[in-house]
Protein backbone atom coordinates (compact mmCIF):
# COMPACT_ATOMS: atom_id res chain seq x y z
CA MET A 1 3.16 -0.73 1.17
CA ARG A 2 2.68 2.57 -0.46
CA ARG A 3 6.12 2.66 -1.98
CA ARG A 4 6.86 4.72 -5.05
CA SER A 5 9.91 2.65 -5.80
CA PHE A 6 11.22 -0.11 -8.01
CA TYR A 7 11.69 -2.43 -5.04
CA PHE A 8 8.03 -2.96 -4.25
CA ILE A 9 7.21 -3.74 -7.87
CA ALA A 10 10.16 -6.11 -7.98
CA VAL A 11 9.12 -8.11 -4.94
CA LEU A 12 5.52 -8.38 -6.19
CA MET A 13 6.75 -9.71 -9.52
CA PHE A 14 9.09 -12.09 -7.73
CA CYS A 15 6.08 -13.41 -5.80
CA PHE A 16 4.20 -13.85 -9.08
CA GLY A 17 6.97 -16.17 -10.25
CA VAL A 18 6.84 -19.01 -7.75
CA LEU A 19 4.78 -19.04 -4.59
CA LEU A 20 5.72 -21.63 -2.02
CA PRO A 21 2.87 -23.56 -0.41
CA GLY A 22 2.38 -22.39 3.13
CA PHE A 23 4.17 -19.09 2.58
CA VAL A 24 2.83 -16.41 4.90
CA LEU A 25 3.89 -12.80 5.06
CA PHE A 26 1.66 -11.05 7.54
CA GLY A 27 0.48 -7.59 6.65
CA TRP A 28 1.42 -7.75 2.98
CA THR A 29 0.21 -4.42 1.65
CA ARG A 30 1.26 -1.60 -0.53
CA ASN A 31 1.07 1.06 2.11
CA ALA A 32 3.94 1.28 4.43
CA ARG A 33 4.63 -2.36 4.52
CA ASP A 34 1.34 -1.78 5.93
CA VAL A 35 1.75 -3.80 8.37
CA THR A 36 3.94 -5.46 9.23
CA GLY A 37 2.35 -6.10 12.44
CA MET A 38 0.20 -9.06 11.76
CA LEU A 39 2.60 -11.08 13.89
CA GLY A 40 2.02 -9.05 17.03
CA ASP A 41 3.72 -9.85 20.30
CA GLY A 42 1.75 -12.92 21.23
CA SER A 43 -0.80 -10.92 23.17
CA GLY A 44 -3.59 -11.66 20.73
CA PHE A 45 -4.08 -7.93 20.10
CA VAL A 46 -3.47 -8.30 16.40
CA ASN A 47 -5.83 -10.42 14.34
CA PRO A 48 -4.23 -11.43 11.02
CA ILE A 49 -7.26 -12.01 8.85
CA GLY A 50 -7.74 -11.60 5.14
CA GLU A 51 -4.57 -10.31 3.59
CA ALA A 52 -2.28 -12.77 5.29
CA GLN A 53 -3.93 -15.45 3.17
CA LEU A 54 -2.96 -13.76 -0.08
CA LEU A 55 0.42 -15.42 0.00
CA THR A 56 -0.41 -18.80 1.51
CA GLY A 57 -0.86 -20.65 -1.75
CA ASP A 58 -4.35 -21.55 -0.55
CA ARG A 59 -6.69 -20.11 -3.14
CA ASN A 60 -10.34 -20.89 -2.67
CA LEU A 61 -11.77 -19.43 -5.85
CA ASN A 62 -11.16 -20.39 -9.43
CA GLY A 63 -11.86 -18.31 -12.47
CA SER A 64 -12.17 -14.57 -12.66
CA GLY A 65 -15.79 -13.85 -13.33
CA GLY A 66 -19.07 -14.14 -11.53
CA GLN A 67 -17.93 -16.21 -8.57
CA ASP A 68 -20.25 -16.28 -5.58
CA LEU A 69 -18.40 -15.30 -2.44
CA SER A 70 -20.92 -16.87 -0.09
CA GLY A 71 -20.27 -20.27 1.40
CA GLU A 72 -18.08 -22.14 3.79
CA HIS A 73 -14.74 -21.20 2.24
CA PHE A 74 -15.04 -17.63 3.48
CA ASN A 75 -14.90 -18.62 7.13
CA LYS A 76 -11.21 -19.46 6.87
CA TYR A 77 -10.49 -15.78 6.34
CA GLN A 78 -11.77 -14.94 9.79
CA HIS A 79 -10.26 -15.11 13.26
CA LYS A 80 -6.88 -16.52 12.32
CA VAL A 81 -4.21 -16.74 14.97
CA ALA A 82 -0.83 -15.22 14.30
CA ALA A 83 1.74 -17.81 13.36
CA PRO A 84 4.90 -18.07 15.43
CA MET A 85 7.93 -16.50 13.79
CA GLU A 86 9.41 -19.92 13.03
CA SER A 87 6.50 -20.76 10.74
CA VAL A 88 6.98 -17.80 8.45
CA ILE A 89 8.52 -19.25 5.33
CA ILE A 90 10.53 -17.01 3.06
CA PHE A 91 11.16 -17.87 -0.57
CA GLY A 92 13.84 -20.44 -1.18
CA GLU A 93 14.93 -23.02 -3.68
CA THR A 94 12.65 -25.86 -2.57
CA GLU A 95 11.29 -28.56 -4.80
CA SER A 96 7.75 -27.94 -3.58
CA GLY A 97 8.06 -24.27 -4.39
CA ARG A 98 9.07 -24.96 -7.95
CA ALA A 99 6.35 -27.52 -8.35
CA SER A 100 3.72 -25.04 -7.22
CA SER A 101 4.05 -22.95 -10.35
CA SER A 102 1.18 -23.33 -12.79
CA ASP A 103 3.39 -22.80 -15.81
CA GLY A 104 6.51 -24.69 -14.81
CA ASN A 105 9.98 -23.46 -15.55
CA ASN A 106 8.65 -20.37 -17.28
CA ALA A 107 7.51 -18.97 -13.93
CA THR A 108 10.78 -19.90 -12.27
CA ASP A 109 12.73 -18.19 -15.05
CA ARG A 110 10.61 -15.07 -14.65
CA ARG A 111 11.22 -15.04 -10.90
CA ASP A 112 14.96 -15.37 -11.44
CA PHE A 113 14.90 -12.57 -13.99
CA ILE A 114 13.17 -10.25 -11.51
CA ARG A 115 15.71 -11.14 -8.84
CA LYS A 116 18.51 -10.24 -11.25
CA MET A 117 16.82 -6.90 -11.99
CA MET A 118 16.67 -6.22 -8.27
CA LYS A 119 20.31 -7.12 -7.75
CA ASP A 120 21.42 -4.94 -10.64
CA SER A 121 19.43 -1.99 -9.28
CA TRP A 122 20.78 -2.54 -5.78
CA ASP A 123 24.39 -2.92 -6.89
CA ASN A 124 24.27 0.36 -8.77
CA TYR A 125 22.84 2.17 -5.77
CA VAL A 126 25.57 0.71 -3.55
CA THR A 127 28.29 1.72 -6.04
CA HIS A 128 27.13 5.24 -6.80
CA ALA A 129 24.95 6.53 -3.94
CA TRP A 130 25.47 4.46 -0.80
CA GLY A 131 23.82 6.13 2.20
CA GLU A 132 22.06 8.73 0.04
CA ASN A 133 18.29 8.72 -0.06
CA GLU A 134 18.08 8.13 -3.79
CA LEU A 135 20.26 7.51 -6.85
CA ARG A 136 20.16 9.67 -9.97
CA PRO A 137 20.63 6.91 -12.56
CA LEU A 138 21.83 9.07 -15.44
CA THR A 139 24.46 11.07 -13.57
CA HIS A 140 25.39 8.23 -11.17
CA LYS A 141 25.09 10.53 -8.17
CA GLY A 142 23.01 10.76 -5.03
CA HIS A 143 19.80 12.76 -5.28
CA SER A 144 19.86 15.49 -2.63
CA ALA A 145 16.62 17.17 -3.68
CA SER A 146 14.40 14.25 -2.78
CA ILE A 147 11.46 14.47 -0.37
CA PHE A 148 13.83 13.84 2.55
CA GLY A 149 16.25 16.56 1.52
CA PRO A 150 20.05 16.35 1.77
CA SER A 151 20.15 14.33 4.99
CA LYS A 152 21.83 11.01 4.34
CA ILE A 153 19.33 8.71 6.00
CA GLY A 154 19.38 5.98 3.35
CA ALA A 155 15.73 5.95 2.29
CA THR A 156 16.59 3.50 -0.48
CA ILE A 157 18.31 1.17 1.99
CA VAL A 158 15.31 1.08 4.32
CA ASP A 159 12.97 0.71 1.34
CA ALA A 160 14.92 -2.28 0.01
CA LEU A 161 15.42 -4.25 3.24
CA ASP A 162 12.34 -6.45 2.99
CA THR A 163 12.78 -6.96 -0.76
CA LEU A 164 16.35 -8.18 -0.28
CA TYR A 165 15.25 -10.40 2.58
CA ILE A 166 12.29 -11.96 0.77
CA MET A 167 14.31 -12.57 -2.39
CA GLY A 168 16.98 -14.41 -0.47
CA LEU A 169 19.73 -11.90 -1.30
CA HIS A 170 21.32 -12.63 2.06
CA GLU A 171 24.68 -10.89 1.67
CA GLU A 172 23.10 -7.72 0.34
CA TYR A 173 20.51 -7.79 3.11
CA GLN A 174 23.16 -8.15 5.81
CA VAL A 175 25.11 -5.16 4.51
CA ALA A 176 21.91 -3.10 4.48
CA ARG A 177 20.95 -4.27 7.96
CA ASP A 178 24.37 -3.36 9.35
CA TRP A 179 24.16 0.13 7.85
CA VAL A 180 20.80 0.69 9.51
CA ALA A 181 22.15 -0.52 12.84
CA LYS A 182 25.32 1.58 12.78
CA ASP A 183 24.66 4.61 10.60
CA LEU A 184 20.94 5.41 10.52
CA ASN A 185 20.63 8.29 12.98
CA PHE A 186 17.52 10.46 12.98
CA ASP A 187 18.95 12.71 15.70
CA THR A 188 21.21 14.37 13.14
CA VAL A 189 18.34 15.35 10.82
CA ARG A 190 17.48 19.02 11.09
CA ALA A 191 15.41 19.42 7.93
CA GLU A 192 11.63 19.37 7.74
CA VAL A 193 10.26 16.01 6.66
CA SER A 194 6.84 14.75 5.69
CA VAL A 195 5.11 12.98 8.59
CA PHE A 196 3.32 10.77 6.08
CA GLU A 197 6.37 9.80 4.02
CA THR A 198 8.51 9.27 7.10
CA ASN A 199 5.88 6.99 8.54
CA ILE A 200 5.25 4.83 5.50
CA ARG A 201 8.88 4.53 4.42
CA PHE A 202 10.90 4.56 7.61
CA VAL A 203 8.59 3.60 10.46
CA GLY A 204 6.72 1.11 8.28
CA GLY A 205 9.88 -0.25 6.70
CA LEU A 206 11.58 -0.81 10.05
CA LEU A 207 8.48 -2.40 11.56
CA THR A 208 8.20 -4.76 8.61
CA MET A 209 11.69 -6.01 9.24
CA PHE A 210 10.95 -6.50 12.92
CA ALA A 211 7.86 -8.53 11.97
CA LEU A 212 9.88 -10.65 9.53
CA THR A 213 13.00 -11.18 11.62
CA GLY A 214 12.25 -10.42 15.26
CA ASP A 215 15.38 -8.25 15.31
CA VAL A 216 14.72 -5.73 18.11
CA MET A 217 17.09 -3.24 16.51
CA TYR A 218 14.39 -2.51 13.95
CA LYS A 219 11.72 -2.08 16.61
CA ASP A 220 13.90 0.28 18.63
CA LYS A 221 14.73 2.44 15.61
CA ALA A 222 11.06 2.65 14.61
CA TYR A 223 10.03 3.55 18.16
CA HIS A 224 12.66 6.28 18.44
CA LEU A 225 11.64 7.82 15.12
CA ALA A 226 7.90 7.61 15.72
CA LYS A 227 8.27 9.52 18.99
CA LYS A 228 9.93 12.34 17.04
CA LEU A 229 6.77 12.62 14.90
CA LEU A 230 4.40 13.05 17.85
CA PRO A 231 4.58 16.88 18.15
CA ALA A 232 2.86 17.12 14.76
CA PHE A 233 -0.27 15.67 16.37
CA GLU A 234 -0.66 18.47 18.91
CA THR A 235 -3.69 20.09 17.28
CA PRO A 236 -7.21 20.64 18.68
CA THR A 237 -8.58 17.87 16.46
CA GLY A 238 -5.66 15.45 16.71
CA ILE A 239 -5.23 15.65 12.93
CA PRO A 240 -1.47 16.08 12.45
CA MET A 241 0.38 18.71 10.51
CA ALA A 242 2.03 17.52 7.31
CA LEU A 243 5.62 18.63 7.95
CA ILE A 244 7.80 18.39 11.04
CA SER A 245 11.35 19.32 11.95
CA LEU A 246 12.88 16.24 13.53
CA GLY A 247 15.30 18.53 15.34
CA SER A 248 13.00 21.11 16.93
CA GLY A 249 9.63 19.39 16.72
CA ALA A 250 8.08 22.43 15.01
CA SER A 251 5.35 21.45 12.55
CA LYS A 252 3.24 23.06 9.84
CA ASN A 253 1.14 22.28 6.80
CA TYR A 254 1.97 22.82 3.16
CA GLY A 255 1.28 26.35 1.98
CA TRP A 256 -0.43 25.05 -1.15
CA ALA A 257 -2.84 22.74 0.68
CA SER A 258 -6.17 24.60 0.71
CA SER A 259 -5.94 27.23 3.45
CA GLY A 260 -3.42 25.40 5.56
CA SER A 261 -5.30 22.12 5.55
CA SER A 262 -4.11 18.60 6.25
CA ILE A 263 -4.44 16.01 3.49
CA LEU A 264 -6.82 13.06 3.82
CA SER A 265 -4.48 10.45 2.35
CA GLU A 266 -1.61 11.60 4.55
CA PHE A 267 -3.15 11.71 8.02
CA GLY A 268 -5.24 8.68 7.05
CA THR A 269 -2.12 6.60 6.43
CA LEU A 270 -0.77 6.27 9.95
CA HIS A 271 -3.13 3.90 11.69
CA LEU A 272 -1.58 0.53 10.87
CA GLU A 273 1.98 1.39 11.80
CA PHE A 274 1.03 3.28 14.95
CA LEU A 275 -1.33 0.56 16.17
CA TYR A 276 1.31 -2.11 15.66
CA LEU A 277 3.95 0.01 17.35
CA SER A 278 1.81 0.35 20.47
CA ASP A 279 1.20 -3.39 20.36
CA ILE A 280 4.87 -4.40 20.29
CA THR A 281 6.24 -1.68 22.60
CA GLY A 282 3.44 -1.47 25.13
CA ASP A 283 3.38 2.32 24.72
CA PRO A 284 -0.26 3.35 24.12
CA ILE A 285 0.54 6.85 22.85
CA PHE A 286 0.63 5.85 19.19
CA LYS A 287 -2.68 4.02 19.35
CA GLU A 288 -4.20 7.00 21.14
CA LYS A 289 -3.06 9.40 18.43
CA VAL A 290 -4.58 7.48 15.54
CA PHE A 291 -7.83 6.78 17.34
CA LYS A 292 -8.14 10.50 18.04
CA ILE A 293 -7.94 11.04 14.28
CA ARG A 294 -10.57 8.34 13.83
CA GLU A 295 -12.93 10.05 16.27
CA THR A 296 -12.57 13.36 14.47
CA MET A 297 -13.28 11.81 11.08
CA LYS A 298 -16.33 10.00 12.41
CA GLN A 299 -17.84 13.23 13.68
CA ILE A 300 -17.02 15.48 10.76
CA GLU A 301 -19.94 16.32 8.48
CA LYS A 302 -19.69 14.37 5.24
CA PRO A 303 -21.81 15.80 2.39
CA LYS A 304 -23.52 12.93 0.56
CA GLY A 305 -21.45 10.55 2.68
CA LEU A 306 -18.23 11.58 0.91
CA TYR A 307 -14.84 12.45 2.39
CA PHE A 308 -13.21 15.51 0.84
CA ASN A 309 -9.45 15.58 0.39
CA TYR A 310 -8.61 18.54 2.65
CA VAL A 311 -9.41 18.90 6.36
CA HIS A 312 -8.54 21.88 8.54
CA PRO A 313 -6.60 20.51 11.54
CA ARG A 314 -7.92 23.13 13.97
CA MET A 315 -11.58 23.33 12.99
CA ALA A 316 -12.28 19.74 11.83
CA LYS A 317 -13.96 20.97 8.65
CA PHE A 318 -13.49 20.06 5.02
CA THR A 319 -12.01 23.02 3.18
CA GLN A 320 -12.38 22.08 -0.46
CA ASN A 321 -15.00 20.07 -2.32
CA HIS A 322 -12.74 17.55 -4.00
CA VAL A 323 -13.18 13.76 -3.80
CA SER A 324 -10.65 11.30 -5.20
CA MET A 325 -9.63 7.67 -4.89
CA GLY A 326 -6.34 8.81 -6.41
CA ALA A 327 -3.95 11.52 -5.27
CA LEU A 328 -4.84 13.17 -1.95
CA GLY A 329 -7.45 10.57 -1.01
CA ASP A 330 -6.31 7.06 -1.89
CA SER A 331 -4.72 5.40 1.12
CA PHE A 332 -7.22 6.81 3.62
CA TYR A 333 -9.68 4.25 2.25
CA GLU A 334 -7.05 1.55 2.06
CA TYR A 335 -6.14 1.93 5.71
CA LEU A 336 -9.78 1.76 6.80
CA LEU A 337 -10.12 -1.68 5.25
CA LYS A 338 -6.73 -2.85 6.41
CA ALA A 339 -7.37 -1.73 9.98
CA TYR A 340 -10.14 -4.33 9.88
CA VAL A 341 -7.83 -6.86 8.27
CA GLN A 342 -5.10 -6.10 10.79
CA ALA A 343 -7.05 -6.06 14.05
CA GLY A 344 -10.68 -6.96 13.39
CA ASP A 345 -11.58 -3.26 13.75
CA ILE A 346 -15.35 -3.27 13.13
CA GLU A 347 -15.64 0.51 13.29
CA ALA A 348 -13.03 0.91 10.55
CA ARG A 349 -14.83 -1.67 8.44
CA GLU A 350 -18.12 0.19 8.79
CA MET A 351 -16.43 3.44 7.74
CA TYR A 352 -14.88 1.70 4.75
CA ASP A 353 -18.16 0.14 3.64
CA ALA A 354 -19.99 3.45 4.00
CA ALA A 355 -17.32 5.28 2.01
CA MET A 356 -17.45 2.75 -0.84
CA GLU A 357 -21.24 2.97 -0.85
CA ALA A 358 -20.96 6.76 -1.18
CA PHE A 359 -18.61 6.37 -4.16
CA GLU A 360 -21.15 4.09 -5.80
CA LYS A 361 -24.27 6.14 -5.00
CA ASN A 362 -22.71 9.41 -6.18
CA GLY A 363 -21.77 7.99 -9.57
CA LEU A 364 -18.01 8.04 -9.06
CA ILE A 365 -17.67 4.40 -10.08
CA ARG A 366 -18.81 4.46 -13.68
CA TYR A 367 -18.46 2.95 -17.12
CA SER A 368 -16.98 4.72 -20.11
CA LYS A 369 -18.74 4.68 -23.45
CA GLY A 370 -16.42 1.89 -24.46
CA GLY A 371 -17.38 -0.21 -21.46
CA LEU A 372 -14.36 0.39 -19.23
CA LEU A 373 -15.06 0.69 -15.51
CA TYR A 374 -13.20 3.51 -13.75
CA ILE A 375 -13.29 5.67 -10.62
CA ALA A 376 -13.88 9.32 -11.44
CA GLU A 377 -13.09 12.35 -9.33
CA MET A 378 -15.56 14.97 -8.12
CA ARG A 379 -14.96 18.70 -7.78
CA TYR A 380 -17.76 20.89 -6.47
CA ASP A 381 -20.36 18.25 -7.37
CA ARG A 382 -19.07 17.95 -10.94
CA ILE A 383 -17.76 14.62 -12.18
CA GLU A 384 -14.30 14.69 -13.76
CA SER A 385 -13.77 11.64 -15.95
CA LYS A 386 -10.16 11.18 -14.95
CA MET A 387 -8.42 8.41 -13.04
CA ASP A 388 -4.96 8.54 -11.49
CA HIS A 389 -2.48 5.69 -11.64
CA LEU A 390 -2.55 5.99 -7.85
CA ALA A 391 -6.22 4.94 -7.89
CA CYS A 392 -5.37 1.66 -9.61
CA PHE A 393 -4.75 0.08 -6.22
CA ALA A 394 -8.56 0.02 -5.94
CA GLY A 395 -8.79 -3.18 -7.95
CA GLY A 396 -6.98 -5.00 -5.18
CA LEU A 397 -8.80 -2.96 -2.53
CA PHE A 398 -12.27 -3.94 -3.68
CA ALA A 399 -11.20 -7.58 -4.07
CA LEU A 400 -9.77 -7.72 -0.56
CA GLY A 401 -12.87 -5.97 0.77
CA ALA A 402 -15.10 -8.50 -0.99
CA HIS A 403 -13.22 -11.48 0.39
CA THR A 404 -13.34 -10.17 3.95
CA ASP A 405 -16.89 -8.82 3.87
CA PRO A 406 -18.57 -9.37 7.27
CA ASN A 407 -21.86 -9.99 5.46
CA LEU A 408 -20.48 -13.33 4.30
CA VAL A 409 -20.45 -14.79 7.79
CA GLY A 410 -23.02 -15.23 10.52
CA PRO A 411 -26.57 -16.58 10.50
CA GLU A 412 -27.82 -14.09 7.90
CA LYS A 413 -25.27 -14.44 5.13
CA ASN A 414 -25.60 -12.02 2.24
CA SER A 415 -23.11 -12.11 -0.62
CA ALA A 416 -24.68 -9.38 -2.78
CA ARG A 417 -22.24 -6.60 -1.81
CA ALA A 418 -19.22 -8.88 -1.93
CA ASN A 419 -20.12 -10.13 -5.39
CA ARG A 420 -20.73 -6.58 -6.63
CA HIS A 421 -17.42 -5.38 -5.23
CA MET A 422 -15.60 -8.32 -6.78
CA LYS A 423 -17.02 -7.31 -10.15
CA ILE A 424 -15.81 -3.75 -9.52
CA ALA A 425 -12.37 -5.14 -8.65
CA GLU A 426 -12.21 -7.04 -11.92
CA GLY A 427 -13.38 -4.05 -13.94
CA ILE A 428 -10.99 -1.55 -12.36
CA THR A 429 -8.03 -3.90 -12.74
CA ASN A 430 -8.88 -4.45 -16.39
CA THR A 431 -9.17 -0.71 -17.05
CA CYS A 432 -5.78 -0.05 -15.45
CA HIS A 433 -4.32 -2.80 -17.62
CA GLU A 434 -5.81 -1.07 -20.65
CA SER A 435 -4.10 2.19 -19.62
CA TYR A 436 -0.79 0.32 -19.93
CA ILE A 437 -1.26 -1.56 -23.17
CA ARG A 438 -2.59 1.51 -25.00
CA THR A 439 0.79 3.25 -24.78
CA GLN A 440 3.79 2.61 -27.01
CA THR A 441 5.96 1.56 -24.08
CA ARG A 442 3.20 -0.50 -22.42
CA LEU A 443 3.81 1.52 -19.25
CA GLY A 444 0.86 3.32 -17.74
CA PRO A 445 0.57 7.13 -17.52
CA GLU A 446 0.32 9.14 -14.31
CA SER A 447 -3.35 9.89 -15.09
CA PHE A 448 -5.73 8.86 -17.84
CA ARG A 449 -9.06 10.16 -19.06
CA PHE A 450 -12.34 9.13 -20.65
CA SER A 451 -14.27 11.15 -23.22
CA ASP A 452 -15.84 10.84 -26.64
CA ALA A 453 -12.36 11.03 -28.14
CA ILE A 454 -10.19 8.94 -25.80
CA GLU A 455 -10.45 6.01 -23.41
CA ALA A 456 -7.90 5.19 -20.70
CA ARG A 457 -5.26 7.47 -22.22
CA ALA A 458 -3.32 10.45 -20.93
CA GLN A 459 -4.47 13.68 -22.51
CA ARG A 460 -2.35 16.44 -20.99
CA PRO A 461 1.45 16.76 -21.06
CA ASN A 462 1.68 16.62 -17.26
CA GLU A 463 -0.02 13.21 -17.28
CA LYS A 464 2.28 11.48 -19.77
CA TYR A 465 4.97 10.03 -17.53
CA TYR A 466 5.61 6.96 -15.40
CA ILE A 467 7.47 7.09 -12.08
CA LEU A 468 7.70 3.44 -11.00
CA ARG A 469 4.34 3.44 -9.31
CA PRO A 470 3.31 -0.02 -8.01
CA GLU A 471 -0.49 0.23 -7.86
CA VAL A 472 -1.33 -1.64 -11.07
CA ILE A 473 1.06 -4.51 -10.33
CA GLU A 474 -0.34 -4.67 -6.81
CA SER A 475 -3.89 -5.15 -8.09
CA TYR A 476 -2.71 -7.83 -10.53
CA PHE A 477 -1.03 -9.63 -7.66
CA ILE A 478 -4.03 -9.53 -5.31
CA MET A 479 -6.42 -10.56 -8.09
CA TRP A 480 -4.14 -13.47 -8.97
CA ARG A 481 -3.99 -14.64 -5.38
CA LEU A 482 -7.74 -14.35 -4.84
CA THR A 483 -9.00 -15.73 -8.17
CA GLY A 484 -6.20 -17.90 -9.52
CA ASP A 485 -6.83 -16.45 -12.99
CA GLN A 486 -3.58 -16.79 -14.97
CA LYS A 487 -4.25 -13.62 -16.95
CA TYR A 488 -3.25 -11.46 -13.98
CA ARG A 489 0.09 -13.22 -13.78
CA ASP A 490 0.59 -12.72 -17.50
CA TRP A 491 -0.36 -9.04 -17.29
CA GLY A 492 2.21 -8.61 -14.55
CA TRP A 493 4.92 -10.14 -16.66
CA ASP A 494 3.94 -8.01 -19.64
CA ARG A 495 5.09 -5.00 -17.59
CA TYR A 496 8.60 -6.43 -17.94
CA ALA A 497 8.43 -7.65 -21.55
CA PRO A 498 10.21 -4.54 -22.96
CA SER A 499 13.00 -4.99 -20.39
CA SER A 500 13.52 -8.64 -21.19
């Protein structure tokens, strides 16, 4: 999921600790519990390929460098059938789970430490800010100036549900679940909210819990909220406005967003949740909305094959020449790949592959003088040697894309692109690791730059901060699951070394 919170990092680190054989969590992603919906409703609409295998304990590759992704092992990533709910195993204290760790009790101790961190964080939120969207940790008060405003709709509670559930914190989970059932009421919200944030945090969070538990309360809440977002999509192009009043349905775009434009990463981060919601409710409206966006983006003129970060929702034109795998662009690309992973969406896969090819051909994926691979930004055809922390999800993205590459199956197998993308995945993940270990705190900056003077370091004051972003840990986790290389596990733990 695309969570900017402690809880997503915590559950990834918990999964690093001990992974039970046979464990499956469908739709494990950074973006909006992204979905969630790999379980489907038994109709066969959803095809859980690729990412569902990240957590199965069934690694097919060993080592981290130069592996050839052609061969028979790839076929097991294709055309999987959704497991029945009963077969979804959540972490527990089983002997086989402990034995699965490659470094014995050390991994178990690390997992337990992460669980304790989660419980401490949760307990403080419950004590000082229950029902508020966020906790201000220094003043011990609720944070009313968050992205969801003063409305007490428990963003932290919804964010934490799956983490509590996966970690086996049953009592805490039940309290959170009961609050959602009894007190979470979107009909009382009159403030403007972000369509994007509401989708990934609330709709995605609720759908995740339905996928994990089968509790229809979660499905009903998600369905009710998603319908309140629909007026934002009433534009000539189908590209939604960024902000909507849940009370009146009035919508608009941010004043700062390039002549009233919509943002690529925001309207591009709806597909997985909306597709799954149509699947489990039988209401096609959500699927129709996101495929209308898809059709617009297919037809829009793309200079040099690139997607710019701002699109006018009435004219279907790019309004500013700015390309980024980080802020404003990132999860658009992620959702293209994961639409393929989620539902075997060939069109989405073709768009993803073409977009990655454009990044490569236009020199946006490049090496620094010191040999670090990074993804640059482009403004008006000029390369800016800067990479956002947000773009560090791309290590996992390229790895997942490599391991699900359609070129690896069929009569004419070709592993060249998959092998190249796996090398990119390794390089990007290493560079993001370097951005962490080159700071005094060993926490990565918001952005980092490359020049004759610096490599993978923040340069400007507004880049030198860390706000619990999960992208680097996410790439470590995916690389560990796909390669089995212990270094990714160790890098993940190093993030917590100062705390311990």
